[in-house]
Amino acid sequence: MWNKQDLEAKLKYLDELFKNTRNKKKKSEILVDKITILKMLELLKGRRITLYNDPLLFLKKLSLKRDTKKCENYESLEFFHVLVDLKYSFELCKNLALIPYIDLKDTRPLSSEEECINEVVDFARKINDPELGNAILSVINDKDHLYLSTGYKDSELSKYKAVNFELTTFKESYIMSPPKSSILLHEVVHTIDNKINGYNISSYPYSGEVPATALEIYKDTLEGNMDALINLLTLAKKTIIIACKQNPNYFSLTETAKLEFQDVKNRTRDIIERFLTVKSYLISAVFAKKMIDNEKEGLKEYKELLKTKFPKDSIPDYSKWGITNEVIIDYSKNLINYFSEYQKDKEKGGKSI
């Protein structure tokens, strides 16, 4: 459980630091950390945080100008190359949406907090890489930075299964996750990522999901279940449906046609994020398969990926690990075929697809 007293002490420290700081960029970082801690304290109390009943509303108003500038910067610096990636991500999403599968709800009961943590600890001890295993154990053993909960009342968090709160000033991450070991492991990897690559570093949208989801899929597959893969297929279908509802001709473009910048700006950010997330999750599956097929080499490449931060001004290139666009497209069409051999029978605890 998060340490409430420690969070309150950090908040008090940030109040003083904010008063004595003149640098505008630093003041913005402090402000974001203050908002994050206040939100975490509210979540510990079990309070619902909404747009109309938000104790942080005043602070959010103060940061509105900064957030607006950040949004404008995102559009001007990133969207021109994201256009190409968006069309490619749509094709991947479409291929995944066409894969037939049985969308079964996971009926297994959630673990207790102790069982969930022990499962991650067991995985860390069994993984055939001491450096990675010790990194996982270092995060999972820091109980003051873990909060396992079965649900979120916060309307902003409810669409996520788990959340990783970053405090840039203190270079620390706080995890909120349901008591499900694979999801908790996903958030643990985000914390390791922050420790390796630094906090509050701009990177290509959703590229940070690749190492976190890869280890989640790897763990799931070794245990004979397909939760993460089914989530990917479901997300792909939902994304296509939502996009087409908003615009039936969402990507009815010829091969030589160009996506207009203004046209993409007019699309909702949510849909753009969904397409890029689907692509990142799919690449994660390729990395997971590499680890399963050749554990030693796969883990070596995975650690290289974990230590790589892709700049926000160019599309990530995974070809150094043999993951080209052609390979990713192939997986978008044959994902289930490549993982079916690792399934357990449903009676043995696996999931049918």
Protein backbone atom coordinates (compact mmCIF):
# COMPACT_ATOMS: atom_id res chain seq x y z
CA MET A 1 0.00 0.00 0.00
CA TRP A 2 1.19 3.52 -0.76
CA ASN A 3 2.66 5.27 2.26
CA LYS A 4 0.23 8.09 2.98
CA GLN A 5 2.58 9.89 5.39
CA ASP A 6 5.39 9.80 2.85
CA LEU A 7 3.13 11.24 0.14
CA GLU A 8 1.97 14.03 2.45
CA ALA A 9 5.61 14.84 3.32
CA LYS A 10 6.48 14.96 -0.39
CA LEU A 11 3.55 17.30 -1.02
CA LYS A 12 4.74 19.65 1.73
CA TYR A 13 8.24 19.61 0.26
CA LEU A 14 6.88 20.44 -3.20
CA ASP A 15 4.91 23.38 -1.80
CA GLU A 16 8.12 24.91 -0.46
CA LEU A 17 10.09 24.03 -3.59
CA PHE A 18 7.44 25.66 -5.80
CA LYS A 19 7.67 28.91 -3.81
CA ASN A 20 11.46 29.03 -4.14
CA THR A 21 11.74 28.04 -7.80
CA ARG A 22 12.01 30.63 -10.56
CA ASN A 23 12.58 28.42 -13.60
CA LYS A 24 9.23 28.10 -15.45
CA LYS A 25 9.90 24.59 -16.75
CA LYS A 26 10.85 23.37 -13.29
CA LYS A 27 7.79 25.04 -11.77
CA SER A 28 5.61 23.19 -14.30
CA GLU A 29 7.18 19.86 -13.33
CA ILE A 30 6.61 20.60 -9.65
CA LEU A 31 3.01 21.52 -10.37
CA VAL A 32 2.40 18.24 -12.22
CA ASP A 33 3.90 16.29 -9.30
CA LYS A 34 1.66 18.17 -6.83
CA ILE A 35 -1.41 17.32 -8.89
CA THR A 36 -0.33 13.68 -9.09
CA ILE A 37 0.18 13.34 -5.32
CA LEU A 38 -3.11 15.06 -4.51
CA LYS A 39 -4.89 12.70 -6.86
CA MET A 40 -3.17 9.69 -5.26
CA LEU A 41 -4.21 10.85 -1.79
CA GLU A 42 -7.80 11.18 -2.98
CA LEU A 43 -7.68 7.66 -4.43
CA LEU A 44 -6.40 6.32 -1.11
CA LYS A 45 -9.52 7.81 0.49
CA GLY A 46 -11.68 6.07 -2.12
CA ARG A 47 -13.10 9.34 -3.38
CA ARG A 48 -14.46 9.81 -6.86
CA ILE A 49 -12.60 12.40 -8.92
CA THR A 50 -14.61 13.94 -11.74
CA LEU A 51 -14.50 17.06 -13.84
CA TYR A 52 -17.29 18.61 -11.79
CA ASN A 53 -16.13 17.49 -8.36
CA ASP A 54 -12.38 17.84 -8.54
CA PRO A 55 -10.34 19.08 -5.58
CA LEU A 56 -7.52 19.78 -8.03
CA LEU A 57 -9.55 22.06 -10.28
CA PHE A 58 -7.73 25.21 -9.20
CA LEU A 59 -4.32 23.66 -9.86
CA LYS A 60 -5.54 22.38 -13.21
CA LYS A 61 -6.59 25.90 -14.18
CA LEU A 62 -3.11 27.12 -13.32
CA SER A 63 -1.60 24.45 -15.55
CA LEU A 64 -4.08 24.95 -18.40
CA LYS A 65 -1.80 27.32 -20.29
CA ARG A 66 1.09 24.86 -20.00
CA ASP A 67 -1.08 21.94 -21.10
CA THR A 68 -2.31 23.94 -24.10
CA LYS A 69 1.24 24.67 -25.19
CA LYS A 70 2.15 21.03 -24.73
CA CYS A 71 -0.77 19.99 -26.94
CA GLU A 72 0.21 22.48 -29.65
CA ASN A 73 3.78 21.22 -29.49
CA TYR A 74 2.55 17.63 -29.90
CA GLU A 75 0.66 18.56 -33.07
CA SER A 76 3.37 20.67 -34.68
CA LEU A 77 6.33 18.39 -33.92
CA GLU A 78 4.83 14.95 -34.04
CA PHE A 79 1.79 14.76 -36.24
CA PHE A 80 3.53 15.17 -39.59
CA HIS A 81 5.33 11.84 -39.24
CA VAL A 82 2.57 10.26 -37.18
CA LEU A 83 0.37 10.62 -40.30
CA VAL A 84 2.29 7.91 -42.10
CA ASP A 85 2.35 5.69 -39.03
CA LEU A 86 -1.36 6.22 -38.47
CA LYS A 87 -2.27 4.81 -41.87
CA TYR A 88 0.07 1.85 -41.32
CA SER A 89 -1.40 1.30 -37.84
CA PHE A 90 -4.89 1.30 -39.34
CA GLU A 91 -3.93 -1.52 -41.72
CA LEU A 92 -2.52 -3.56 -38.83
CA CYS A 93 -5.66 -2.91 -36.81
CA LYS A 94 -7.88 -3.97 -39.72
CA ASN A 95 -5.95 -7.23 -40.16
CA LEU A 96 -6.22 -8.03 -36.44
CA ALA A 97 -9.94 -7.22 -36.44
CA LEU A 98 -10.49 -9.83 -39.17
CA ILE A 99 -8.93 -12.65 -37.12
CA PRO A 100 -11.70 -14.96 -35.84
CA TYR A 101 -11.57 -15.70 -32.13
CA ILE A 102 -13.82 -16.46 -29.18
CA ASP A 103 -14.06 -13.39 -26.97
CA LEU A 104 -14.36 -15.09 -23.59
CA LYS A 105 -14.39 -13.12 -20.36
CA ASP A 106 -11.71 -14.12 -17.90
CA THR A 107 -13.73 -15.92 -15.23
CA ARG A 108 -10.79 -16.76 -12.99
CA PRO A 109 -11.08 -14.99 -9.62
CA LEU A 110 -8.63 -12.20 -8.87
CA SER A 111 -5.78 -13.18 -6.58
CA SER A 112 -5.30 -11.79 -3.12
CA GLU A 113 -2.68 -9.05 -2.82
CA GLU A 114 -0.19 -11.51 -1.31
CA GLU A 115 -0.82 -14.16 -3.98
CA CYS A 116 -0.48 -11.62 -6.79
CA ILE A 117 2.83 -10.29 -5.51
CA ASN A 118 4.14 -13.82 -4.90
CA GLU A 119 3.33 -14.78 -8.50
CA VAL A 120 5.39 -11.87 -9.82
CA VAL A 121 8.21 -12.73 -7.41
CA ASP A 122 8.18 -16.36 -8.61
CA PHE A 123 8.31 -15.21 -12.23
CA ALA A 124 11.25 -12.91 -11.48
CA ARG A 125 13.16 -15.73 -9.78
CA LYS A 126 12.53 -18.17 -12.61
CA ILE A 127 13.34 -15.86 -15.52
CA ASN A 128 16.63 -16.83 -17.13
CA ASP A 129 18.27 -13.42 -16.71
CA PRO A 130 19.50 -12.37 -13.23
CA GLU A 131 19.74 -8.65 -14.12
CA LEU A 132 16.13 -8.48 -15.30
CA GLY A 133 14.89 -10.72 -12.49
CA ASN A 134 16.57 -8.57 -9.83
CA ALA A 135 15.17 -5.39 -11.40
CA ILE A 136 11.64 -6.83 -11.13
CA LEU A 137 12.22 -7.92 -7.51
CA SER A 138 13.57 -4.47 -6.60
CA VAL A 139 10.30 -2.86 -7.71
CA ILE A 140 7.91 -5.48 -6.36
CA ASN A 141 9.58 -5.54 -2.93
CA ASP A 142 9.05 -1.79 -2.47
CA LYS A 143 5.56 -2.12 -0.98
CA ASP A 144 5.23 1.63 -0.28
CA HIS A 145 5.03 2.19 -4.04
CA LEU A 146 2.40 -0.50 -4.76
CA TYR A 147 -1.38 -0.19 -4.41
CA LEU A 148 -3.41 -3.22 -5.46
CA SER A 149 -7.08 -2.39 -5.96
CA THR A 150 -10.02 -4.15 -7.64
CA GLY A 151 -11.37 -1.00 -9.26
CA TYR A 152 -11.11 2.74 -9.71
CA LYS A 153 -13.70 5.36 -8.90
CA ASP A 154 -11.67 8.01 -10.67
CA SER A 155 -13.40 8.67 -14.01
CA GLU A 156 -10.06 9.51 -15.64
CA LEU A 157 -8.55 6.16 -14.64
CA SER A 158 -11.52 3.87 -15.13
CA LYS A 159 -10.63 3.09 -18.77
CA TYR A 160 -7.25 1.72 -17.71
CA LYS A 161 -6.60 -1.63 -16.03
CA ALA A 162 -3.68 -0.20 -14.11
CA VAL A 163 -1.79 3.08 -13.78
CA ASN A 164 1.81 4.11 -13.20
CA PHE A 165 2.11 7.50 -11.48
CA GLU A 166 5.42 9.27 -12.07
CA LEU A 167 6.90 11.86 -9.71
CA THR A 168 9.61 13.58 -11.73
CA THR A 169 11.00 15.64 -8.84
CA PHE A 170 11.68 12.55 -6.75
CA LYS A 171 12.44 10.20 -9.66
CA GLU A 172 9.93 7.68 -8.33
CA SER A 173 7.03 5.66 -9.74
CA TYR A 174 3.89 4.52 -7.93
CA ILE A 175 1.86 1.59 -9.22
CA MET A 176 -1.91 1.13 -8.97
CA SER A 177 -3.02 -2.27 -10.29
CA PRO A 178 -5.70 -4.91 -9.80
CA PRO A 179 -4.42 -8.05 -8.03
CA LYS A 180 -3.59 -9.81 -11.28
CA SER A 181 0.06 -10.74 -11.68
CA SER A 182 0.49 -10.18 -15.44
CA ILE A 183 -1.02 -6.69 -15.24
CA LEU A 184 1.06 -5.86 -12.18
CA LEU A 185 4.17 -7.09 -14.03
CA HIS A 186 3.28 -4.73 -16.90
CA GLU A 187 3.37 -1.76 -14.51
CA VAL A 188 6.56 -3.01 -12.88
CA VAL A 189 8.27 -2.87 -16.29
CA HIS A 190 7.13 0.75 -16.72
CA THR A 191 8.83 1.54 -13.41
CA ILE A 192 12.03 -0.22 -14.53
CA ASP A 193 11.82 1.72 -17.81
CA ASN A 194 11.67 4.99 -15.86
CA LYS A 195 14.63 4.02 -13.70
CA ILE A 196 16.73 3.11 -16.74
CA ASN A 197 15.78 5.87 -19.15
CA GLY A 198 14.79 8.69 -16.80
CA TYR A 199 11.55 10.40 -15.85
CA ASN A 200 9.48 12.84 -17.89
CA ILE A 201 11.40 12.10 -21.09
CA SER A 202 9.46 12.69 -24.30
CA SER A 203 9.35 9.66 -26.59
CA TYR A 204 7.36 8.42 -29.56
CA PRO A 205 3.66 8.01 -28.63
CA TYR A 206 3.02 4.64 -26.94
CA SER A 207 6.43 3.17 -27.82
CA GLY A 208 6.93 2.72 -24.07
CA GLU A 209 4.11 0.16 -24.08
CA VAL A 210 6.16 -2.30 -26.15
CA PRO A 211 8.55 -3.59 -23.44
CA ALA A 212 5.83 -3.58 -20.74
CA THR A 213 3.30 -5.50 -22.84
CA ALA A 214 5.95 -7.86 -24.27
CA LEU A 215 6.81 -9.22 -20.83
CA GLU A 216 3.11 -9.41 -19.94
CA ILE A 217 2.39 -11.52 -23.06
CA TYR A 218 5.52 -13.60 -22.43
CA LYS A 219 4.38 -14.44 -18.88
CA ASP A 220 0.80 -15.14 -19.97
CA THR A 221 1.93 -17.45 -22.76
CA LEU A 222 4.29 -19.42 -20.54
CA GLU A 223 1.36 -19.96 -18.16
CA GLY A 224 -0.87 -21.13 -21.00
CA ASN A 225 -3.41 -18.29 -21.09
CA MET A 226 -4.13 -15.75 -23.81
CA ASP A 227 -5.56 -12.81 -21.86
CA ALA A 228 -3.17 -10.20 -23.26
CA LEU A 229 -3.57 -11.43 -26.85
CA ILE A 230 -7.36 -11.49 -26.58
CA ASN A 231 -7.24 -7.95 -25.18
CA LEU A 232 -5.24 -6.94 -28.26
CA LEU A 233 -7.72 -8.51 -30.68
CA THR A 234 -10.66 -7.00 -28.81
CA LEU A 235 -9.06 -3.56 -28.79
CA ALA A 236 -8.45 -3.81 -32.55
CA LYS A 237 -12.10 -4.65 -33.24
CA LYS A 238 -13.40 -1.89 -30.96
CA THR A 239 -11.04 0.66 -32.49
CA ILE A 240 -12.19 -0.13 -36.04
CA ILE A 241 -15.86 0.04 -34.98
CA ILE A 242 -15.46 3.37 -33.17
CA ALA A 243 -13.46 4.89 -36.03
CA CYS A 244 -16.03 3.84 -38.64
CA LYS A 245 -18.90 5.15 -36.55
CA GLN A 246 -17.22 8.54 -36.42
CA ASN A 247 -16.41 8.53 -40.12
CA PRO A 248 -17.46 5.66 -42.45
CA ASN A 249 -14.72 6.73 -44.88
CA TYR A 250 -12.06 6.96 -42.20
CA PHE A 251 -9.24 5.69 -44.39
CA SER A 252 -10.77 5.29 -47.85
CA LEU A 253 -7.64 6.62 -49.52
CA THR A 254 -5.73 5.46 -52.57
CA GLU A 255 -2.14 4.32 -52.15
CA THR A 256 -0.88 7.58 -53.60
CA ALA A 257 -3.27 9.83 -51.67
CA LYS A 258 -1.87 11.95 -48.87
CA LEU A 259 -3.35 12.39 -45.44
CA GLU A 260 -3.91 16.07 -44.83
CA PHE A 261 -2.57 17.46 -41.56
CA GLN A 262 -5.76 19.40 -40.84
CA ASP A 263 -7.83 16.29 -41.50
CA VAL A 264 -5.96 14.34 -38.83
CA LYS A 265 -6.15 17.21 -36.35
CA ASN A 266 -9.91 17.06 -36.69
CA ARG A 267 -10.03 13.41 -35.71
CA THR A 268 -10.40 12.68 -32.03
CA ARG A 269 -7.17 12.16 -30.09
CA ASP A 270 -8.68 9.04 -28.55
CA ILE A 271 -8.92 7.20 -31.88
CA ILE A 272 -5.41 8.19 -32.90
CA GLU A 273 -4.10 6.91 -29.57
CA ARG A 274 -6.02 3.65 -30.00
CA PHE A 275 -4.48 2.94 -33.41
CA LEU A 276 -0.95 3.63 -32.16
CA THR A 277 -1.58 1.50 -29.06
CA VAL A 278 -2.73 -1.46 -31.17
CA LYS A 279 0.46 -1.22 -33.20
CA SER A 280 2.63 -1.11 -30.05
CA TYR A 281 0.82 -4.10 -28.52
CA LEU A 282 1.28 -6.09 -31.72
CA ILE A 283 5.03 -5.38 -31.77
CA SER A 284 5.07 -6.52 -28.14
CA ALA A 285 3.66 -9.87 -29.24
CA VAL A 286 6.52 -10.29 -31.74
CA PHE A 287 9.09 -9.65 -29.00
CA ALA A 288 7.27 -12.09 -26.69
CA LYS A 289 7.37 -14.79 -29.38
CA LYS A 290 11.10 -14.22 -29.85
CA MET A 291 11.68 -14.74 -26.11
CA ILE A 292 9.61 -17.92 -26.13
CA ASP A 293 11.30 -19.41 -29.20
CA ASN A 294 14.86 -18.60 -28.08
CA GLU A 295 14.92 -17.56 -24.44
CA LYS A 296 18.58 -16.57 -24.19
CA GLU A 297 18.72 -14.48 -27.38
CA GLY A 298 15.17 -13.20 -26.92
CA LEU A 299 15.85 -11.89 -23.41
CA LYS A 300 19.09 -10.31 -24.60
CA GLU A 301 17.21 -8.42 -27.31
CA TYR A 302 14.41 -7.59 -24.89
CA LYS A 303 16.85 -5.89 -22.50
CA GLU A 304 18.25 -3.90 -25.41
CA LEU A 305 14.70 -2.79 -26.21
CA LEU A 306 14.07 -1.88 -22.56
CA LYS A 307 17.13 0.37 -22.60
CA THR A 308 16.09 2.07 -25.85
CA LYS A 309 14.12 5.32 -25.89
CA PHE A 310 12.65 6.20 -29.29
CA PRO A 311 12.64 9.95 -30.04
CA LYS A 312 9.24 11.54 -30.54
CA ASP A 313 10.16 13.10 -33.89
CA SER A 314 10.56 9.86 -35.87
CA ILE A 315 8.75 6.52 -36.23
CA PRO A 316 10.45 3.77 -34.15
CA ASP A 317 12.57 1.32 -36.10
CA TYR A 318 12.72 -2.23 -34.68
CA SER A 319 14.58 -3.75 -37.63
CA LYS A 320 17.82 -4.17 -35.64
CA TRP A 321 15.99 -6.97 -33.85
CA GLY A 322 14.67 -8.43 -37.11
CA ILE A 323 11.25 -6.85 -36.64
CA THR A 324 10.56 -5.11 -39.94
CA ASN A 325 7.26 -3.67 -41.18
CA GLU A 326 6.76 -6.83 -43.21
CA VAL A 327 7.18 -9.01 -40.12
CA ILE A 328 4.72 -6.87 -38.16
CA ILE A 329 2.16 -7.08 -40.99
CA ASP A 330 2.59 -10.86 -41.07
CA TYR A 331 1.86 -11.08 -37.35
CA SER A 332 -1.22 -8.89 -37.77
CA LYS A 333 -2.63 -11.57 -40.09
CA ASN A 334 -1.40 -14.69 -38.28
CA LEU A 335 -1.17 -13.72 -34.62
CA ILE A 336 -3.21 -16.62 -33.25
CA ASN A 337 -1.48 -19.18 -35.46
CA TYR A 338 1.89 -18.16 -34.03
CA PHE A 339 0.76 -18.55 -30.42
CA SER A 340 -1.74 -21.44 -30.65
CA GLU A 341 0.89 -24.10 -30.02
CA TYR A 342 1.46 -22.71 -26.52
CA GLN A 343 -2.17 -22.95 -25.44
CA LYS A 344 -3.32 -25.27 -22.73
CA ASP A 345 -6.62 -27.06 -22.93
CA LYS A 346 -9.43 -25.06 -21.43
CA GLU A 347 -9.90 -27.73 -18.74
CA LYS A 348 -6.29 -27.19 -17.65
CA GLY A 349 -6.76 -23.50 -17.08
CA GLY A 350 -6.02 -22.17 -20.53
CA LYS A 351 -8.26 -20.07 -22.74
CA SER A 352 -9.79 -21.08 -26.06
CA ILE A 353 -9.35 -18.83 -29.06
